[in-house]
Amino acid sequence: MEVLRWLAANWFNILSAVGIIGGLFFTAVSLRSETKTRQISNQLAMTANHREVWKELFHRPELARVIDASADLSNQAITAQEQEFVNLVVLQTSSVYEALKDGLVIKQEGLRQDVGSFFSLPIPKAVWEKMKIYQNADFVVFIEKCREERAGKTDSGHL
């Protein structure tokens, strides 16, 4: 009897609390869904940007040496076009790194191996050594760890 009296006196407060809790739950579900949608949208944009950068390699034969593991820099210096291409890859990689760090894109399996492979090639490695002083410290650490993993020195699951 006492419970019924209390419910009759507080029905509005109970209904308001249920409404607020329901609203918070709905907001949480919506935010989660929106975050996933934003991540996919960002992933598509990053993929388009990646394609634009790498398309240059296929349309400009003079850039083929950038991905040549046997490129001899003592015989032929890095060209301005090769340096420009590697700079674009560094900028793209930095953008992806920052987006991953902030959870704005979906983590890509194999990213560390891909980055380590590219920046271990003679031309990208030489260009990276010159330009890494202009990059954020945590991004430099990321690239260096990827290169070390590629060389078999360490194995880190971070980013």
C-alpha atoms as a PDB file:
ATOM      1  CA  MET A   1       0.000   0.000   0.000  1.00  0.00           C
ATOM      2  CA  GLU A   2       2.823   2.328   0.912  1.00  0.00           C
ATOM      3  CA  VAL A   3       4.509   1.614  -2.457  1.00  0.00           C
ATOM      4  CA  LEU A   4       1.371   2.525  -4.385  1.00  0.00           C
ATOM      5  CA  ARG A   5       1.076   5.793  -2.505  1.00  0.00           C
ATOM      6  CA  TRP A   6       4.741   6.600  -3.210  1.00  0.00           C
ATOM      7  CA  LEU A   7       4.269   5.752  -6.923  1.00  0.00           C
ATOM      8  CA  ALA A   8       1.172   7.949  -7.109  1.00  0.00           C
ATOM      9  CA  ALA A   9       3.070  10.840  -5.549  1.00  0.00           C
ATOM     10  CA  ASN A  10       6.214  10.423  -7.703  1.00  0.00           C
ATOM     11  CA  TRP A  11       4.943   9.113 -11.054  1.00  0.00           C
ATOM     12  CA  PHE A  12       6.006  12.246 -12.913  1.00  0.00           C
ATOM     13  CA  ASN A  13       9.572  12.100 -11.529  1.00  0.00           C
ATOM     14  CA  ILE A  14       9.851   8.413 -12.425  1.00  0.00           C
ATOM     15  CA  LEU A  15       8.564   9.014 -15.948  1.00  0.00           C
ATOM     16  CA  SER A  16      10.974  11.949 -16.396  1.00  0.00           C
ATOM     17  CA  ALA A  17      13.932   9.857 -15.221  1.00  0.00           C
ATOM     18  CA  VAL A  18      13.015   7.029 -17.600  1.00  0.00           C
ATOM     19  CA  GLY A  19      12.727   9.549 -20.452  1.00  0.00           C
ATOM     20  CA  ILE A  20      16.107  11.074 -19.668  1.00  0.00           C
ATOM     21  CA  ILE A  21      17.812   7.676 -19.404  1.00  0.00           C
ATOM     22  CA  GLY A  22      16.156   6.558 -22.658  1.00  0.00           C
ATOM     23  CA  GLY A  23      17.299   9.771 -24.362  1.00  0.00           C
ATOM     24  CA  LEU A  24      20.872   9.277 -23.168  1.00  0.00           C
ATOM     25  CA  PHE A  25      20.845   5.684 -24.391  1.00  0.00           C
ATOM     26  CA  PHE A  26      19.501   6.745 -27.800  1.00  0.00           C
ATOM     27  CA  THR A  27      22.168   9.472 -28.016  1.00  0.00           C
ATOM     28  CA  ALA A  28      24.921   6.971 -27.215  1.00  0.00           C
ATOM     29  CA  VAL A  29      23.699   4.565 -29.891  1.00  0.00           C
ATOM     30  CA  SER A  30      23.431   7.410 -32.425  1.00  0.00           C
ATOM     31  CA  LEU A  31      26.940   8.678 -31.640  1.00  0.00           C
ATOM     32  CA  ARG A  32      28.381   5.209 -32.067  1.00  0.00           C
ATOM     33  CA  SER A  33      26.656   4.811 -35.421  1.00  0.00           C
ATOM     34  CA  GLU A  34      27.742   8.286 -36.542  1.00  0.00           C
ATOM     35  CA  THR A  35      31.343   7.566 -35.509  1.00  0.00           C
ATOM     36  CA  LYS A  36      31.416   4.398 -37.607  1.00  0.00           C
ATOM     37  CA  THR A  37      29.889   6.247 -40.569  1.00  0.00           C
ATOM     38  CA  ARG A  38      32.453   9.045 -40.212  1.00  0.00           C
ATOM     39  CA  GLN A  39      35.297   6.521 -40.016  1.00  0.00           C
ATOM     40  CA  ILE A  40      34.162   4.865 -43.236  1.00  0.00           C
ATOM     41  CA  SER A  41      33.746   8.237 -44.947  1.00  0.00           C
ATOM     42  CA  ASN A  42      37.220   9.272 -43.814  1.00  0.00           C
ATOM     43  CA  GLN A  43      38.595   5.922 -44.987  1.00  0.00           C
ATOM     44  CA  LEU A  44      37.145   6.496 -48.442  1.00  0.00           C
ATOM     45  CA  ALA A  45      38.670   9.987 -48.564  1.00  0.00           C
ATOM     46  CA  MET A  46      42.071   8.661 -47.446  1.00  0.00           C
ATOM     47  CA  THR A  47      41.878   5.936 -50.098  1.00  0.00           C
ATOM     48  CA  ALA A  48      41.083   8.508 -52.791  1.00  0.00           C
ATOM     49  CA  ASN A  49      44.013  10.665 -51.667  1.00  0.00           C
ATOM     50  CA  HIS A  50      46.292   7.631 -51.590  1.00  0.00           C
ATOM     51  CA  ARG A  51      45.238   6.709 -55.118  1.00  0.00           C
ATOM     52  CA  GLU A  52      45.915  10.260 -56.339  1.00  0.00           C
ATOM     53  CA  VAL A  53      49.446  10.236 -54.916  1.00  0.00           C
ATOM     54  CA  TRP A  54      50.356   6.777 -56.167  1.00  0.00           C
ATOM     55  CA  LYS A  55      48.768   7.357 -59.551  1.00  0.00           C
ATOM     56  CA  GLU A  56      51.728   9.654 -60.237  1.00  0.00           C
ATOM     57  CA  LEU A  57      54.089   6.700 -59.998  1.00  0.00           C
ATOM     58  CA  PHE A  58      52.234   4.887 -62.762  1.00  0.00           C
ATOM     59  CA  HIS A  59      51.763   7.897 -65.024  1.00  0.00           C
ATOM     60  CA  ARG A  60      55.308   9.200 -64.710  1.00  0.00           C
ATOM     61  CA  PRO A  61      57.883   6.544 -65.643  1.00  0.00           C
ATOM     62  CA  GLU A  62      60.706   8.753 -64.356  1.00  0.00           C
ATOM     63  CA  LEU A  63      59.470   7.963 -60.809  1.00  0.00           C
ATOM     64  CA  ALA A  64      59.912   4.182 -61.148  1.00  0.00           C
ATOM     65  CA  ARG A  65      63.272   4.330 -59.367  1.00  0.00           C
ATOM     66  CA  VAL A  66      61.532   5.454 -56.148  1.00  0.00           C
ATOM     67  CA  ILE A  67      60.291   1.905 -55.512  1.00  0.00           C
ATOM     68  CA  ASP A  68      63.428   0.197 -56.860  1.00  0.00           C
ATOM     69  CA  ALA A  69      65.127  -1.607 -53.983  1.00  0.00           C
ATOM     70  CA  SER A  70      68.402  -1.626 -55.927  1.00  0.00           C
ATOM     71  CA  ALA A  71      68.461   2.111 -56.746  1.00  0.00           C
ATOM     72  CA  ASP A  72      72.084   3.271 -56.504  1.00  0.00           C
ATOM     73  CA  LEU A  73      72.191   6.807 -55.150  1.00  0.00           C
ATOM     74  CA  SER A  74      75.946   7.043 -55.563  1.00  0.00           C
ATOM     75  CA  ASN A  75      75.581   6.576 -59.335  1.00  0.00           C
ATOM     76  CA  GLN A  76      72.542   8.807 -59.807  1.00  0.00           C
ATOM     77  CA  ALA A  77      71.372  11.422 -57.310  1.00  0.00           C
ATOM     78  CA  ILE A  78      67.749  11.752 -56.285  1.00  0.00           C
ATOM     79  CA  THR A  79      65.873  13.895 -58.797  1.00  0.00           C
ATOM     80  CA  ALA A  80      63.579  16.770 -57.849  1.00  0.00           C
ATOM     81  CA  GLN A  81      60.601  14.749 -59.121  1.00  0.00           C
ATOM     82  CA  GLU A  82      61.555  11.752 -56.967  1.00  0.00           C
ATOM     83  CA  GLN A  83      61.970  13.984 -53.919  1.00  0.00           C
ATOM     84  CA  GLU A  84      58.603  15.637 -54.587  1.00  0.00           C
ATOM     85  CA  PHE A  85      56.874  12.260 -54.875  1.00  0.00           C
ATOM     86  CA  VAL A  86      58.375  10.984 -51.614  1.00  0.00           C
ATOM     87  CA  ASN A  87      57.381  14.265 -49.926  1.00  0.00           C
ATOM     88  CA  LEU A  88      53.788  13.664 -51.039  1.00  0.00           C
ATOM     89  CA  VAL A  89      53.914  10.123 -49.648  1.00  0.00           C
ATOM     90  CA  VAL A  90      55.267  11.471 -46.347  1.00  0.00           C
ATOM     91  CA  LEU A  91      52.432  14.010 -46.150  1.00  0.00           C
ATOM     92  CA  GLN A  92      49.847  11.335 -46.964  1.00  0.00           C
ATOM     93  CA  THR A  93      51.349   8.939 -44.427  1.00  0.00           C
ATOM     94  CA  SER A  94      51.396  11.670 -41.779  1.00  0.00           C
ATOM     95  CA  SER A  95      47.720  12.405 -42.414  1.00  0.00           C
ATOM     96  CA  VAL A  96      46.820   8.735 -42.115  1.00  0.00           C
ATOM     97  CA  TYR A  97      48.892   8.426 -38.936  1.00  0.00           C
ATOM     98  CA  GLU A  98      47.165  11.408 -37.309  1.00  0.00           C
ATOM     99  CA  ALA A  99      43.727  10.143 -38.368  1.00  0.00           C
ATOM    100  CA  LEU A 100      44.505   6.695 -36.939  1.00  0.00           C
ATOM    101  CA  LYS A 101      45.798   8.194 -33.724  1.00  0.00           C
ATOM    102  CA  ASP A 102      42.537  10.096 -33.262  1.00  0.00           C
ATOM    103  CA  GLY A 103      40.348   7.138 -34.249  1.00  0.00           C
ATOM    104  CA  LEU A 104      39.063   8.923 -37.360  1.00  0.00           C
ATOM    105  CA  VAL A 105      39.724   5.983 -39.684  1.00  0.00           C
ATOM    106  CA  ILE A 106      39.593   2.230 -39.325  1.00  0.00           C
ATOM    107  CA  LYS A 107      42.947   0.679 -38.435  1.00  0.00           C
ATOM    108  CA  GLN A 108      44.505  -1.055 -41.432  1.00  0.00           C
ATOM    109  CA  GLU A 109      46.178  -4.413 -40.912  1.00  0.00           C
ATOM    110  CA  GLY A 110      49.593  -4.364 -42.524  1.00  0.00           C
ATOM    111  CA  LEU A 111      49.987  -0.575 -42.432  1.00  0.00           C
ATOM    112  CA  ARG A 112      53.170  -0.784 -40.363  1.00  0.00           C
ATOM    113  CA  GLN A 113      54.699  -3.313 -42.774  1.00  0.00           C
ATOM    114  CA  ASP A 114      53.727  -1.189 -45.783  1.00  0.00           C
ATOM    115  CA  VAL A 115      55.213   1.957 -44.248  1.00  0.00           C
ATOM    116  CA  GLY A 116      58.345   0.098 -43.143  1.00  0.00           C
ATOM    117  CA  SER A 117      58.821  -1.399 -46.604  1.00  0.00           C
ATOM    118  CA  PHE A 118      58.465   1.920 -48.409  1.00  0.00           C
ATOM    119  CA  PHE A 119      60.686   3.955 -46.092  1.00  0.00           C
ATOM    120  CA  SER A 120      63.375   1.254 -46.166  1.00  0.00           C
ATOM    121  CA  LEU A 121      63.824   1.647 -49.943  1.00  0.00           C
ATOM    122  CA  PRO A 122      66.934   3.667 -50.889  1.00  0.00           C
ATOM    123  CA  ILE A 123      65.262   6.809 -52.270  1.00  0.00           C
ATOM    124  CA  PRO A 124      62.437   7.118 -49.721  1.00  0.00           C
ATOM    125  CA  LYS A 125      64.929   6.390 -46.929  1.00  0.00           C
ATOM    126  CA  ALA A 126      67.295   9.148 -48.110  1.00  0.00           C
ATOM    127  CA  VAL A 127      64.498  11.690 -48.569  1.00  0.00           C
ATOM    128  CA  TRP A 128      63.009  10.753 -45.187  1.00  0.00           C
ATOM    129  CA  GLU A 129      66.350  11.298 -43.455  1.00  0.00           C
ATOM    130  CA  LYS A 130      66.436  14.855 -44.817  1.00  0.00           C
ATOM    131  CA  MET A 131      62.855  15.788 -44.054  1.00  0.00           C
ATOM    132  CA  LYS A 132      62.105  14.014 -40.778  1.00  0.00           C
ATOM    133  CA  ILE A 133      63.372  17.000 -38.795  1.00  0.00           C
ATOM    134  CA  TYR A 134      60.334  18.911 -40.081  1.00  0.00           C
ATOM    135  CA  GLN A 135      57.830  16.296 -38.856  1.00  0.00           C
ATOM    136  CA  ASN A 136      56.061  15.824 -35.534  1.00  0.00           C
ATOM    137  CA  ALA A 137      58.170  13.825 -33.092  1.00  0.00           C
ATOM    138  CA  ASP A 138      55.574  11.069 -32.598  1.00  0.00           C
ATOM    139  CA  PHE A 139      55.220  10.623 -36.367  1.00  0.00           C
ATOM    140  CA  VAL A 140      59.013  10.298 -36.683  1.00  0.00           C
ATOM    141  CA  VAL A 141      58.972   7.624 -33.975  1.00  0.00           C
ATOM    142  CA  PHE A 142      56.195   5.797 -35.840  1.00  0.00           C
ATOM    143  CA  ILE A 143      58.145   5.762 -39.136  1.00  0.00           C
ATOM    144  CA  GLU A 144      61.375   4.740 -37.436  1.00  0.00           C
ATOM    145  CA  LYS A 145      59.662   1.874 -35.584  1.00  0.00           C
ATOM    146  CA  CYS A 146      58.061   0.696 -38.822  1.00  0.00           C
ATOM    147  CA  ARG A 147      61.492   0.682 -40.470  1.00  0.00           C
ATOM    148  CA  GLU A 148      63.015  -1.189 -37.521  1.00  0.00           C
ATOM    149  CA  GLU A 149      60.256  -3.793 -37.639  1.00  0.00           C
ATOM    150  CA  ARG A 150      60.888  -4.182 -41.364  1.00  0.00           C
ATOM    151  CA  ALA A 151      64.550  -4.804 -40.579  1.00  0.00           C
ATOM    152  CA  GLY A 152      63.502  -7.365 -37.942  1.00  0.00           C
ATOM    153  CA  LYS A 153      64.803  -5.439 -34.954  1.00  0.00           C
ATOM    154  CA  THR A 154      61.531  -5.137 -33.016  1.00  0.00           C
ATOM    155  CA  ASP A 155      57.883  -6.115 -33.107  1.00  0.00           C
ATOM    156  CA  SER A 156      55.386  -3.581 -31.809  1.00  0.00           C
ATOM    157  CA  GLY A 157      51.617  -3.796 -32.118  1.00  0.00           C
ATOM    158  CA  HIS A 158      51.150  -0.048 -31.546  1.00  0.00           C
ATOM    159  CA  LEU A 159      49.302   1.725 -34.387  1.00  0.00           C
END
